[in-house]
Amino acid sequence: MLDIGFQETVLILLVALMLFGGNLPDVARKLGRSVGELKRGFSESTRPLRDAQAQVEREVAEVAESADPNGRKREGDGDEGNGNRRLPS
């Protein structure tokens, strides 16, 4: 991700100390809470998409199980009573 070495980290900390002074622990705490809330919000917003994806994957698996390797429906899958013809094997 970011290639930050020891010297760059020390420089960032010194600049932060000069900018925020004695309030640095409070600023760090608030920043940590904000990042946590952002992660929770992102997780909650993506949950419906993950649920929908899981449902689609289950339905695809069900369809794949009911089809034979040639893409035709297997005999005896329950479609005989609704007017659909069975394909010859």
C-alpha atoms as a PDB file:
ATOM      1  CA  MET A   1       0.000   0.000   0.000  1.00  0.00           C
ATOM      2  CA  LEU A   2       1.980   3.026   1.213  1.00  0.00           C
ATOM      3  CA  ASP A   3       5.728   2.646   1.399  1.00  0.00           C
ATOM      4  CA  ILE A   4       6.400   4.788   4.468  1.00  0.00           C
ATOM      5  CA  GLY A   5       9.674   4.225   6.271  1.00  0.00           C
ATOM      6  CA  PHE A   6      10.766   5.044   9.801  1.00  0.00           C
ATOM      7  CA  GLN A   7      12.032   8.556   8.953  1.00  0.00           C
ATOM      8  CA  GLU A   8       8.775   9.527   7.246  1.00  0.00           C
ATOM      9  CA  THR A   9       6.763   8.216  10.203  1.00  0.00           C
ATOM     10  CA  VAL A  10       8.829  10.262  12.673  1.00  0.00           C
ATOM     11  CA  LEU A  11       8.423  13.373  10.507  1.00  0.00           C
ATOM     12  CA  ILE A  12       4.638  12.888  10.356  1.00  0.00           C
ATOM     13  CA  LEU A  13       4.464  12.453  14.128  1.00  0.00           C
ATOM     14  CA  LEU A  14       6.546  15.613  14.728  1.00  0.00           C
ATOM     15  CA  VAL A  15       4.332  17.660  12.393  1.00  0.00           C
ATOM     16  CA  ALA A  16       1.218  16.296  14.125  1.00  0.00           C
ATOM     17  CA  LEU A  17       2.691  17.176  17.512  1.00  0.00           C
ATOM     18  CA  MET A  18       3.434  20.739  16.379  1.00  0.00           C
ATOM     19  CA  LEU A  19      -0.043  21.187  14.912  1.00  0.00           C
ATOM     20  CA  PHE A  20      -2.108  19.683  17.711  1.00  0.00           C
ATOM     21  CA  GLY A  21       0.217  19.999  20.703  1.00  0.00           C
ATOM     22  CA  GLY A  22      -1.311  18.640  23.921  1.00  0.00           C
ATOM     23  CA  ASN A  23      -4.572  17.781  22.164  1.00  0.00           C
ATOM     24  CA  LEU A  24      -2.905  15.032  20.140  1.00  0.00           C
ATOM     25  CA  PRO A  25      -4.296  12.130  22.256  1.00  0.00           C
ATOM     26  CA  ASP A  26      -7.839  13.528  21.929  1.00  0.00           C
ATOM     27  CA  VAL A  27      -7.421  14.046  18.199  1.00  0.00           C
ATOM     28  CA  ALA A  28      -6.088  10.491  17.777  1.00  0.00           C
ATOM     29  CA  ARG A  29      -8.984   9.074  19.813  1.00  0.00           C
ATOM     30  CA  LYS A  30     -11.567  10.979  17.750  1.00  0.00           C
ATOM     31  CA  LEU A  31      -9.864   9.917  14.531  1.00  0.00           C
ATOM     32  CA  GLY A  32      -9.942   6.278  15.652  1.00  0.00           C
ATOM     33  CA  ARG A  33     -13.639   6.488  16.493  1.00  0.00           C
ATOM     34  CA  SER A  34     -14.375   8.118  13.144  1.00  0.00           C
ATOM     35  CA  VAL A  35     -12.547   5.374  11.271  1.00  0.00           C
ATOM     36  CA  GLY A  36     -14.474   2.734  13.251  1.00  0.00           C
ATOM     37  CA  GLU A  37     -17.805   4.377  12.443  1.00  0.00           C
ATOM     38  CA  LEU A  38     -16.834   4.624   8.784  1.00  0.00           C
ATOM     39  CA  LYS A  39     -16.013   0.900   8.668  1.00  0.00           C
ATOM     40  CA  ARG A  40     -19.307  -0.016  10.373  1.00  0.00           C
ATOM     41  CA  GLY A  41     -21.272   2.194   7.991  1.00  0.00           C
ATOM     42  CA  PHE A  42     -19.539   0.673   4.983  1.00  0.00           C
ATOM     43  CA  SER A  43     -20.218  -2.834   6.284  1.00  0.00           C
ATOM     44  CA  GLU A  44     -23.900  -2.057   6.871  1.00  0.00           C
ATOM     45  CA  SER A  45     -24.279  -0.534   3.408  1.00  0.00           C
ATOM     46  CA  THR A  46     -22.738  -3.565   1.663  1.00  0.00           C
ATOM     47  CA  ARG A  47     -24.700  -6.189   3.633  1.00  0.00           C
ATOM     48  CA  PRO A  48     -27.766  -6.120   1.300  1.00  0.00           C
ATOM     49  CA  LEU A  49     -25.494  -6.618  -1.700  1.00  0.00           C
ATOM     50  CA  ARG A  50     -23.768  -9.595  -0.092  1.00  0.00           C
ATOM     51  CA  ASP A  51     -27.143 -11.108   0.837  1.00  0.00           C
ATOM     52  CA  ALA A  52     -28.435 -10.685  -2.722  1.00  0.00           C
ATOM     53  CA  GLN A  53     -25.259 -12.206  -4.140  1.00  0.00           C
ATOM     54  CA  ALA A  54     -25.545 -15.209  -1.824  1.00  0.00           C
ATOM     55  CA  GLN A  55     -29.185 -15.715  -2.860  1.00  0.00           C
ATOM     56  CA  VAL A  56     -28.294 -15.606  -6.556  1.00  0.00           C
ATOM     57  CA  GLU A  57     -25.463 -18.088  -6.005  1.00  0.00           C
ATOM     58  CA  ARG A  58     -27.854 -20.478  -4.208  1.00  0.00           C
ATOM     59  CA  GLU A  59     -30.384 -20.231  -7.045  1.00  0.00           C
ATOM     60  CA  VAL A  60     -27.702 -20.843  -9.668  1.00  0.00           C
ATOM     61  CA  ALA A  61     -26.510 -23.900  -7.742  1.00  0.00           C
ATOM     62  CA  GLU A  62     -30.081 -25.243  -7.582  1.00  0.00           C
ATOM     63  CA  VAL A  63     -30.534 -24.777 -11.325  1.00  0.00           C
ATOM     64  CA  ALA A  64     -27.166 -26.386 -12.036  1.00  0.00           C
ATOM     65  CA  GLU A  65     -28.103 -29.407  -9.915  1.00  0.00           C
ATOM     66  CA  SER A  66     -31.380 -29.881 -11.785  1.00  0.00           C
ATOM     67  CA  ALA A  67     -29.819 -29.694 -15.272  1.00  0.00           C
ATOM     68  CA  ASP A  68     -27.867 -32.474 -16.915  1.00  0.00           C
ATOM     69  CA  PRO A  69     -24.455 -31.888 -18.543  1.00  0.00           C
ATOM     70  CA  ASN A  70     -26.099 -31.209 -21.928  1.00  0.00           C
ATOM     71  CA  GLY A  71     -28.118 -28.335 -20.496  1.00  0.00           C
ATOM     72  CA  ARG A  72     -31.439 -30.170 -20.633  1.00  0.00           C
ATOM     73  CA  LYS A  73     -33.708 -30.758 -17.692  1.00  0.00           C
ATOM     74  CA  ARG A  74     -33.578 -34.243 -16.229  1.00  0.00           C
ATOM     75  CA  GLU A  75     -36.557 -36.514 -16.396  1.00  0.00           C
ATOM     76  CA  GLY A  76     -38.697 -36.540 -13.298  1.00  0.00           C
ATOM     77  CA  ASP A  77     -37.934 -32.999 -12.152  1.00  0.00           C
ATOM     78  CA  GLY A  78     -41.614 -32.286 -11.602  1.00  0.00           C
ATOM     79  CA  ASP A  79     -42.326 -30.353 -14.804  1.00  0.00           C
ATOM     80  CA  GLU A  80     -44.403 -33.113 -16.386  1.00  0.00           C
ATOM     81  CA  GLY A  81     -47.672 -31.895 -14.867  1.00  0.00           C
ATOM     82  CA  ASN A  82     -47.542 -28.318 -16.139  1.00  0.00           C
ATOM     83  CA  GLY A  83     -47.602 -29.035 -19.879  1.00  0.00           C
ATOM     84  CA  ASN A  84     -43.869 -29.071 -20.496  1.00  0.00           C
ATOM     85  CA  ARG A  85     -42.586 -31.896 -22.644  1.00  0.00           C
ATOM     86  CA  ARG A  86     -39.764 -34.066 -21.473  1.00  0.00           C
ATOM     87  CA  LEU A  87     -36.712 -33.984 -23.685  1.00  0.00           C
ATOM     88  CA  PRO A  88     -35.472 -37.314 -24.963  1.00  0.00           C
ATOM     89  CA  SER A  89     -32.321 -38.600 -23.308  1.00  0.00           C
END
